Amino acid sequence: MWKQRESPPILEKRFEFEEYQKISIFLKKIDELCKEKNIYPNISFGKNFVSVSIFLDSEEIQSNEKEFSIRLDNYFLEK
């Protein structure tokens, strides 16, 4: 589940992985989605996780930000 913080407005989630190779594939999909949607979140990763923080343009989640988060969830489920 994505967490929403208010100050500053951020949408964030941590994705857990069993294999580092799957992290690499996931990061590539994130890169492609960033270019497509022109949204560039903060991303950190380690041996078994990827954390994504989307800094929102306003206090409410916009449709492009919501679609971005949904597509990341779908990419993760494809693993």
PDB file of N, CA and C in Angstrom:
ATOM      1  N   MET A   1       0.842  -1.177   0.000  1.00  0.00           N
ATOM      2  CA  MET A   1       0.000   0.000   0.000  1.00  0.00           C
ATOM      3  C   MET A   1       0.893   1.249   0.000  1.00  0.00           C
ATOM      4  N   TRP A   2       0.513   2.210  -0.823  1.00  0.00           N
ATOM      5  CA  TRP A   2       1.229   3.471  -0.880  1.00  0.00           C
ATOM      6  C   TRP A   2       0.864   4.301   0.348  1.00  0.00           C
ATOM      7  N   LYS A   3       1.862   4.983   0.907  1.00  0.00           N
ATOM      8  CA  LYS A   3       1.640   5.884   2.040  1.00  0.00           C
ATOM      9  C   LYS A   3       1.684   7.310   1.511  1.00  0.00           C
ATOM     10  N   GLN A   4       0.795   8.134   2.021  1.00  0.00           N
ATOM     11  CA  GLN A   4       0.796   9.530   1.625  1.00  0.00           C
ATOM     12  C   GLN A   4       1.163  10.385   2.831  1.00  0.00           C
ATOM     13  N   ARG A   5       2.156  11.241   2.628  1.00  0.00           N
ATOM     14  CA  ARG A   5       2.538  12.196   3.670  1.00  0.00           C
ATOM     15  C   ARG A   5       2.108  13.589   3.222  1.00  0.00           C
ATOM     16  N   GLU A   6       1.890  14.464   4.185  1.00  0.00           N
ATOM     17  CA  GLU A   6       1.343  15.772   3.854  1.00  0.00           C
ATOM     18  C   GLU A   6       2.364  16.890   3.783  1.00  0.00           C
ATOM     19  N   SER A   7       3.426  16.824   4.537  1.00  0.00           N
ATOM     20  CA  SER A   7       4.352  17.957   4.565  1.00  0.00           C
ATOM     21  C   SER A   7       5.794  17.492   4.443  1.00  0.00           C
ATOM     22  N   PRO A   8       6.379  17.580   3.275  1.00  0.00           N
ATOM     23  CA  PRO A   8       5.806  17.966   1.991  1.00  0.00           C
ATOM     24  C   PRO A   8       4.941  16.831   1.446  1.00  0.00           C
ATOM     25  N   PRO A   9       4.056  17.132   0.496  1.00  0.00           N
ATOM     26  CA  PRO A   9       3.188  16.085  -0.044  1.00  0.00           C
ATOM     27  C   PRO A   9       3.979  15.036  -0.832  1.00  0.00           C
ATOM     28  N   ILE A  10       3.963  13.824  -0.314  1.00  0.00           N
ATOM     29  CA  ILE A  10       4.734  12.724  -0.900  1.00  0.00           C
ATOM     30  C   ILE A  10       3.884  11.461  -0.901  1.00  0.00           C
ATOM     31  N   LEU A  11       4.047  10.681  -1.936  1.00  0.00           N
ATOM     32  CA  LEU A  11       3.463   9.351  -2.031  1.00  0.00           C
ATOM     33  C   LEU A  11       4.640   8.387  -2.050  1.00  0.00           C
ATOM     34  N   GLU A  12       4.659   7.400  -1.139  1.00  0.00           N
ATOM     35  CA  GLU A  12       5.830   6.536  -1.056  1.00  0.00           C
ATOM     36  C   GLU A  12       5.459   5.075  -0.815  1.00  0.00           C
ATOM     37  N   LYS A  13       6.366   4.206  -1.281  1.00  0.00           N
ATOM     38  CA  LYS A  13       6.156   2.771  -1.101  1.00  0.00           C
ATOM     39  C   LYS A  13       7.501   2.051  -1.175  1.00  0.00           C
ATOM     40  N   ARG A  14       7.591   0.967  -0.424  1.00  0.00           N
ATOM     41  CA  ARG A  14       8.767   0.087  -0.452  1.00  0.00           C
ATOM     42  C   ARG A  14       8.341  -1.240  -1.062  1.00  0.00           C
ATOM     43  N   PHE A  15       9.078  -1.672  -2.079  1.00  0.00           N
ATOM     44  CA  PHE A  15       8.816  -2.935  -2.765  1.00  0.00           C
ATOM     45  C   PHE A  15       9.894  -3.934  -2.347  1.00  0.00           C
ATOM     46  N   GLU A  16       9.491  -5.109  -1.890  1.00  0.00           N
ATOM     47  CA  GLU A  16      10.420  -6.143  -1.429  1.00  0.00           C
ATOM     48  C   GLU A  16      10.613  -7.208  -2.506  1.00  0.00           C
ATOM     49  N   PHE A  17      11.846  -7.644  -2.697  1.00  0.00           N
ATOM     50  CA  PHE A  17      12.193  -8.643  -3.710  1.00  0.00           C
ATOM     51  C   PHE A  17      13.004  -9.774  -3.086  1.00  0.00           C
ATOM     52  N   GLU A  18      12.914 -10.954  -3.704  1.00  0.00           N
ATOM     53  CA  GLU A  18      13.696 -12.096  -3.250  1.00  0.00           C
ATOM     54  C   GLU A  18      15.017 -12.216  -3.999  1.00  0.00           C
ATOM     55  N   GLU A  19      15.066 -11.660  -5.216  1.00  0.00           N
ATOM     56  CA  GLU A  19      16.277 -11.768  -6.040  1.00  0.00           C
ATOM     57  C   GLU A  19      16.685 -10.393  -6.546  1.00  0.00           C
ATOM     58  N   TYR A  20      17.984 -10.103  -6.499  1.00  0.00           N
ATOM     59  CA  TYR A  20      18.482  -8.821  -6.967  1.00  0.00           C
ATOM     60  C   TYR A  20      18.224  -8.629  -8.465  1.00  0.00           C
ATOM     61  N   GLN A  21      18.262  -9.687  -9.245  1.00  0.00           N
ATOM     62  CA  GLN A  21      18.038  -9.589 -10.690  1.00  0.00           C
ATOM     63  C   GLN A  21      16.663  -8.995 -10.986  1.00  0.00           C
ATOM     64  N   LYS A  22      15.677  -9.328 -10.181  1.00  0.00           N
ATOM     65  CA  LYS A  22      14.330  -8.792 -10.376  1.00  0.00           C
ATOM     66  C   LYS A  22      14.283  -7.298 -10.058  1.00  0.00           C
ATOM     67  N   ILE A  23      15.135  -6.852  -9.150  1.00  0.00           N
ATOM     68  CA  ILE A  23      15.238  -5.425  -8.846  1.00  0.00           C
ATOM     69  C   ILE A  23      15.719  -4.677 -10.080  1.00  0.00           C
ATOM     70  N   SER A  24      16.714  -5.221 -10.742  1.00  0.00           N
ATOM     71  CA  SER A  24      17.256  -4.595 -11.949  1.00  0.00           C
ATOM     72  C   SER A  24      16.185  -4.439 -13.026  1.00  0.00           C
ATOM     73  N   ILE A  25      15.386  -5.453 -13.240  1.00  0.00           N
ATOM     74  CA  ILE A  25      14.300  -5.409 -14.230  1.00  0.00           C
ATOM     75  C   ILE A  25      13.264  -4.359 -13.819  1.00  0.00           C
ATOM     76  N   PHE A  26      12.923  -4.336 -12.540  1.00  0.00           N
ATOM     77  CA  PHE A  26      11.944  -3.378 -12.018  1.00  0.00           C
ATOM     78  C   PHE A  26      12.441  -1.945 -12.197  1.00  0.00           C
ATOM     79  N   LEU A  27      13.712  -1.701 -11.914  1.00  0.00           N
ATOM     80  CA  LEU A  27      14.280  -0.363 -12.071  1.00  0.00           C
ATOM     81  C   LEU A  27      14.253   0.092 -13.525  1.00  0.00           C
ATOM     82  N   LYS A  28      14.484  -0.826 -14.442  1.00  0.00           N
ATOM     83  CA  LYS A  28      14.421  -0.479 -15.864  1.00  0.00           C
ATOM     84  C   LYS A  28      13.003  -0.070 -16.253  1.00  0.00           C
ATOM     85  N   LYS A  29      12.000  -0.777 -15.732  1.00  0.00           N
ATOM     86  CA  LYS A  29      10.608  -0.429 -16.012  1.00  0.00           C
ATOM     87  C   LYS A  29      10.260   0.933 -15.407  1.00  0.00           C
ATOM     88  N   ILE A  30      10.786   1.208 -14.216  1.00  0.00           N
ATOM     89  CA  ILE A  30      10.566   2.512 -13.595  1.00  0.00           C
ATOM     90  C   ILE A  30      11.158   3.607 -14.479  1.00  0.00           C
ATOM     91  N   ASP A  31      12.356   3.386 -14.981  1.00  0.00           N
ATOM     92  CA  ASP A  31      13.020   4.364 -15.846  1.00  0.00           C
ATOM     93  C   ASP A  31      12.162   4.683 -17.068  1.00  0.00           C
ATOM     94  N   GLU A  32      11.641   3.659 -17.714  1.00  0.00           N
ATOM     95  CA  GLU A  32      10.805   3.856 -18.901  1.00  0.00           C
ATOM     96  C   GLU A  32       9.522   4.617 -18.555  1.00  0.00           C
ATOM     97  N   LEU A  33       8.918   4.282 -17.419  1.00  0.00           N
ATOM     98  CA  LEU A  33       7.690   4.949 -16.994  1.00  0.00           C
ATOM     99  C   LEU A  33       7.955   6.417 -16.646  1.00  0.00           C
ATOM    100  N   CYS A  34       9.080   6.698 -16.021  1.00  0.00           N
ATOM    101  CA  CYS A  34       9.444   8.080 -15.686  1.00  0.00           C
ATOM    102  C   CYS A  34       9.513   8.935 -16.943  1.00  0.00           C
ATOM    103  N   LYS A  35      10.143   8.420 -17.964  1.00  0.00           N
ATOM    104  CA  LYS A  35      10.270   9.162 -19.226  1.00  0.00           C
ATOM    105  C   LYS A  35       8.914   9.354 -19.887  1.00  0.00           C
ATOM    106  N   GLU A  36       8.079   8.332 -19.821  1.00  0.00           N
ATOM    107  CA  GLU A  36       6.755   8.412 -20.436  1.00  0.00           C
ATOM    108  C   GLU A  36       5.855   9.420 -19.723  1.00  0.00           C
ATOM    109  N   LYS A  37       5.861   9.410 -18.396  1.00  0.00           N
ATOM    110  CA  LYS A  37       4.949  10.244 -17.602  1.00  0.00           C
ATOM    111  C   LYS A  37       5.574  11.565 -17.153  1.00  0.00           C
ATOM    112  N   ASN A  38       6.854  11.724 -17.387  1.00  0.00           N
ATOM    113  CA  ASN A  38       7.580  12.919 -16.945  1.00  0.00           C
ATOM    114  C   ASN A  38       7.450  13.121 -15.432  1.00  0.00           C
ATOM    115  N   ILE A  39       7.543  12.017 -14.726  1.00  0.00           N
ATOM    116  CA  ILE A  39       7.556  12.010 -13.261  1.00  0.00           C
ATOM    117  C   ILE A  39       8.859  11.342 -12.847  1.00  0.00           C
ATOM    118  N   TYR A  40       9.623  12.024 -12.015  1.00  0.00           N
ATOM    119  CA  TYR A  40      10.929  11.503 -11.617  1.00  0.00           C
ATOM    120  C   TYR A  40      11.015  11.435 -10.091  1.00  0.00           C
ATOM    121  N   PRO A  41      10.586  10.294  -9.528  1.00  0.00           N
ATOM    122  CA  PRO A  41      10.577  10.137  -8.071  1.00  0.00           C
ATOM    123  C   PRO A  41      11.985   9.910  -7.522  1.00  0.00           C
ATOM    124  N   ASN A  42      12.099  10.047  -6.222  1.00  0.00           N
ATOM    125  CA  ASN A  42      13.323   9.624  -5.542  1.00  0.00           C
ATOM    126  C   ASN A  42      13.256   8.107  -5.421  1.00  0.00           C
ATOM    127  N   ILE A  43      14.351   7.452  -5.773  1.00  0.00           N
ATOM    128  CA  ILE A  43      14.402   5.991  -5.738  1.00  0.00           C
ATOM    129  C   ILE A  43      15.646   5.579  -4.976  1.00  0.00           C
ATOM    130  N   SER A  44      15.467   4.660  -4.054  1.00  0.00           N
ATOM    131  CA  SER A  44      16.617   4.045  -3.389  1.00  0.00           C
ATOM    132  C   SER A  44      16.402   2.542  -3.430  1.00  0.00           C
ATOM    133  N   PHE A  45      17.503   1.799  -3.436  1.00  0.00           N
ATOM    134  CA  PHE A  45      17.368   0.349  -3.486  1.00  0.00           C
ATOM    135  C   PHE A  45      18.547  -0.301  -2.792  1.00  0.00           C
ATOM    136  N   GLY A  46      18.331  -1.540  -2.439  1.00  0.00           N
ATOM    137  CA  GLY A  46      19.358  -2.341  -1.801  1.00  0.00           C
ATOM    138  C   GLY A  46      19.272  -3.755  -2.329  1.00  0.00           C
ATOM    139  N   LYS A  47      19.836  -4.675  -1.597  1.00  0.00           N
ATOM    140  CA  LYS A  47      19.905  -6.072  -2.024  1.00  0.00           C
ATOM    141  C   LYS A  47      18.528  -6.684  -2.277  1.00  0.00           C
ATOM    142  N   ASN A  48      17.520  -6.270  -1.498  1.00  0.00           N
ATOM    143  CA  ASN A  48      16.213  -6.912  -1.619  1.00  0.00           C
ATOM    144  C   ASN A  48      15.026  -5.942  -1.592  1.00  0.00           C
ATOM    145  N   PHE A  49      15.252  -4.668  -1.903  1.00  0.00           N
ATOM    146  CA  PHE A  49      14.140  -3.715  -1.878  1.00  0.00           C
ATOM    147  C   PHE A  49      14.378  -2.552  -2.840  1.00  0.00           C
ATOM    148  N   VAL A  50      13.270  -1.913  -3.202  1.00  0.00           N
ATOM    149  CA  VAL A  50      13.285  -0.641  -3.928  1.00  0.00           C
ATOM    150  C   VAL A  50      12.281   0.266  -3.214  1.00  0.00           C
ATOM    151  N   SER A  51      12.720   1.462  -2.845  1.00  0.00           N
ATOM    152  CA  SER A  51      11.826   2.448  -2.241  1.00  0.00           C
ATOM    153  C   SER A  51      11.620   3.583  -3.226  1.00  0.00           C
ATOM    154  N   VAL A  52      10.353   3.975  -3.389  1.00  0.00           N
ATOM    155  CA  VAL A  52       9.998   5.032  -4.334  1.00  0.00           C
ATOM    156  C   VAL A  52       9.237   6.117  -3.577  1.00  0.00           C
ATOM    157  N   SER A  53       9.681   7.376  -3.756  1.00  0.00           N
ATOM    158  CA  SER A  53       8.998   8.531  -3.165  1.00  0.00           C
ATOM    159  C   SER A  53       8.668   9.512  -4.278  1.00  0.00           C
ATOM    160  N   ILE A  54       7.374   9.729  -4.494  1.00  0.00           N
ATOM    161  CA  ILE A  54       6.914  10.652  -5.519  1.00  0.00           C
ATOM    162  C   ILE A  54       6.527  11.954  -4.819  1.00  0.00           C
ATOM    163  N   PHE A  55       7.247  13.034  -5.129  1.00  0.00           N
ATOM    164  CA  PHE A  55       6.901  14.335  -4.578  1.00  0.00           C
ATOM    165  C   PHE A  55       5.746  14.895  -5.399  1.00  0.00           C
ATOM    166  N   LEU A  56       4.614  15.099  -4.747  1.00  0.00           N
ATOM    167  CA  LEU A  56       3.387  15.489  -5.433  1.00  0.00           C
ATOM    168  C   LEU A  56       3.409  16.968  -5.803  1.00  0.00           C
ATOM    169  N   ASP A  57       2.752  17.284  -6.919  1.00  0.00           N
ATOM    170  CA  ASP A  57       2.670  18.666  -7.378  1.00  0.00           C
ATOM    171  C   ASP A  57       1.713  19.500  -6.538  1.00  0.00           C
ATOM    172  N   SER A  58       0.774  18.839  -5.874  1.00  0.00           N
ATOM    173  CA  SER A  58      -0.175  19.534  -5.010  1.00  0.00           C
ATOM    174  C   SER A  58      -0.486  18.623  -3.821  1.00  0.00           C
ATOM    175  N   GLU A  59      -1.324  19.083  -2.929  1.00  0.00           N
ATOM    176  CA  GLU A  59      -1.649  18.282  -1.742  1.00  0.00           C
ATOM    177  C   GLU A  59      -2.492  17.068  -2.084  1.00  0.00           C
ATOM    178  N   GLU A  60      -3.194  17.120  -3.204  1.00  0.00           N
ATOM    179  CA  GLU A  60      -3.998  15.986  -3.645  1.00  0.00           C
ATOM    180  C   GLU A  60      -3.267  15.248  -4.756  1.00  0.00           C
ATOM    181  N   ILE A  61      -3.448  13.946  -4.791  1.00  0.00           N
ATOM    182  CA  ILE A  61      -2.811  13.128  -5.817  1.00  0.00           C
ATOM    183  C   ILE A  61      -3.480  13.420  -7.161  1.00  0.00           C
ATOM    184  N   GLN A  62      -2.674  13.778  -8.151  1.00  0.00           N
ATOM    185  CA  GLN A  62      -3.179  14.057  -9.494  1.00  0.00           C
ATOM    186  C   GLN A  62      -3.332  12.750 -10.258  1.00  0.00           C
ATOM    187  N   SER A  63      -4.089  12.771 -11.333  1.00  0.00           N
ATOM    188  CA  SER A  63      -4.370  11.552 -12.094  1.00  0.00           C
ATOM    189  C   SER A  63      -3.100  10.915 -12.652  1.00  0.00           C
ATOM    190  N   ASN A  64      -2.136  11.723 -13.119  1.00  0.00           N
ATOM    191  CA  ASN A  64      -0.906  11.144 -13.659  1.00  0.00           C
ATOM    192  C   ASN A  64      -0.060  10.507 -12.562  1.00  0.00           C
ATOM    193  N   GLU A  65      -0.080  11.069 -11.370  1.00  0.00           N
ATOM    194  CA  GLU A  65       0.658  10.492 -10.235  1.00  0.00           C
ATOM    195  C   GLU A  65      -0.009   9.190  -9.783  1.00  0.00           C
ATOM    196  N   LYS A  66      -1.323   9.190  -9.785  1.00  0.00           N
ATOM    197  CA  LYS A  66      -2.052   7.972  -9.409  1.00  0.00           C
ATOM    198  C   LYS A  66      -1.793   6.858 -10.420  1.00  0.00           C
ATOM    199  N   GLU A  67      -1.855   7.197 -11.704  1.00  0.00           N
ATOM    200  CA  GLU A  67      -1.587   6.199 -12.738  1.00  0.00           C
ATOM    201  C   GLU A  67      -0.149   5.673 -12.626  1.00  0.00           C
ATOM    202  N   PHE A  68       0.788   6.556 -12.345  1.00  0.00           N
ATOM    203  CA  PHE A  68       2.182   6.167 -12.162  1.00  0.00           C
ATOM    204  C   PHE A  68       2.299   5.123 -11.055  1.00  0.00           C
ATOM    205  N   SER A  69       1.675   5.387  -9.902  1.00  0.00           N
ATOM    206  CA  SER A  69       1.762   4.462  -8.768  1.00  0.00           C
ATOM    207  C   SER A  69       1.069   3.131  -9.079  1.00  0.00           C
ATOM    208  N   ILE A  70      -0.056   3.180  -9.765  1.00  0.00           N
ATOM    209  CA  ILE A  70      -0.767   1.947 -10.130  1.00  0.00           C
ATOM    210  C   ILE A  70       0.087   1.097 -11.068  1.00  0.00           C
ATOM    211  N   ARG A  71       0.709   1.737 -12.036  1.00  0.00           N
ATOM    212  CA  ARG A  71       1.540   0.990 -12.978  1.00  0.00           C
ATOM    213  C   ARG A  71       2.768   0.388 -12.285  1.00  0.00           C
ATOM    214  N   LEU A  72       3.342   1.103 -11.320  1.00  0.00           N
ATOM    215  CA  LEU A  72       4.455   0.511 -10.558  1.00  0.00           C
ATOM    216  C   LEU A  72       3.980  -0.724  -9.794  1.00  0.00           C
ATOM    217  N   ASP A  73       2.809  -0.644  -9.195  1.00  0.00           N
ATOM    218  CA  ASP A  73       2.246  -1.815  -8.498  1.00  0.00           C
ATOM    219  C   ASP A  73       2.088  -2.987  -9.461  1.00  0.00           C
ATOM    220  N   ASN A  74       1.593  -2.692 -10.652  1.00  0.00           N
ATOM    221  CA  ASN A  74       1.401  -3.752 -11.651  1.00  0.00           C
ATOM    222  C   ASN A  74       2.735  -4.358 -12.101  1.00  0.00           C
ATOM    223  N   TYR A  75       3.744  -3.511 -12.294  1.00  0.00           N
ATOM    224  CA  TYR A  75       5.081  -4.021 -12.652  1.00  0.00           C
ATOM    225  C   TYR A  75       5.606  -4.948 -11.563  1.00  0.00           C
ATOM    226  N   PHE A  76       5.379  -4.554 -10.311  1.00  0.00           N
ATOM    227  CA  PHE A  76       5.851  -5.357  -9.187  1.00  0.00           C
ATOM    228  C   PHE A  76       5.134  -6.713  -9.169  1.00  0.00           C
ATOM    229  N   LEU A  77       3.845  -6.716  -9.447  1.00  0.00           N
ATOM    230  CA  LEU A  77       3.074  -7.964  -9.433  1.00  0.00           C
ATOM    231  C   LEU A  77       3.493  -8.904 -10.568  1.00  0.00           C
ATOM    232  N   GLU A  78       4.063  -8.355 -11.638  1.00  0.00           N
ATOM    233  CA  GLU A  78       4.509  -9.163 -12.765  1.00  0.00           C
ATOM    234  C   GLU A  78       5.755  -9.986 -12.424  1.00  0.00           C
ATOM    235  N   LYS A  79       6.456  -9.589 -11.379  1.00  0.00           N
ATOM    236  CA  LYS A  79       7.727 -10.236 -11.045  1.00  0.00           C
ATOM    237  C   LYS A  79       7.539 -11.697 -10.926  1.00  0.00           C
TER     238      LYS A  79
END
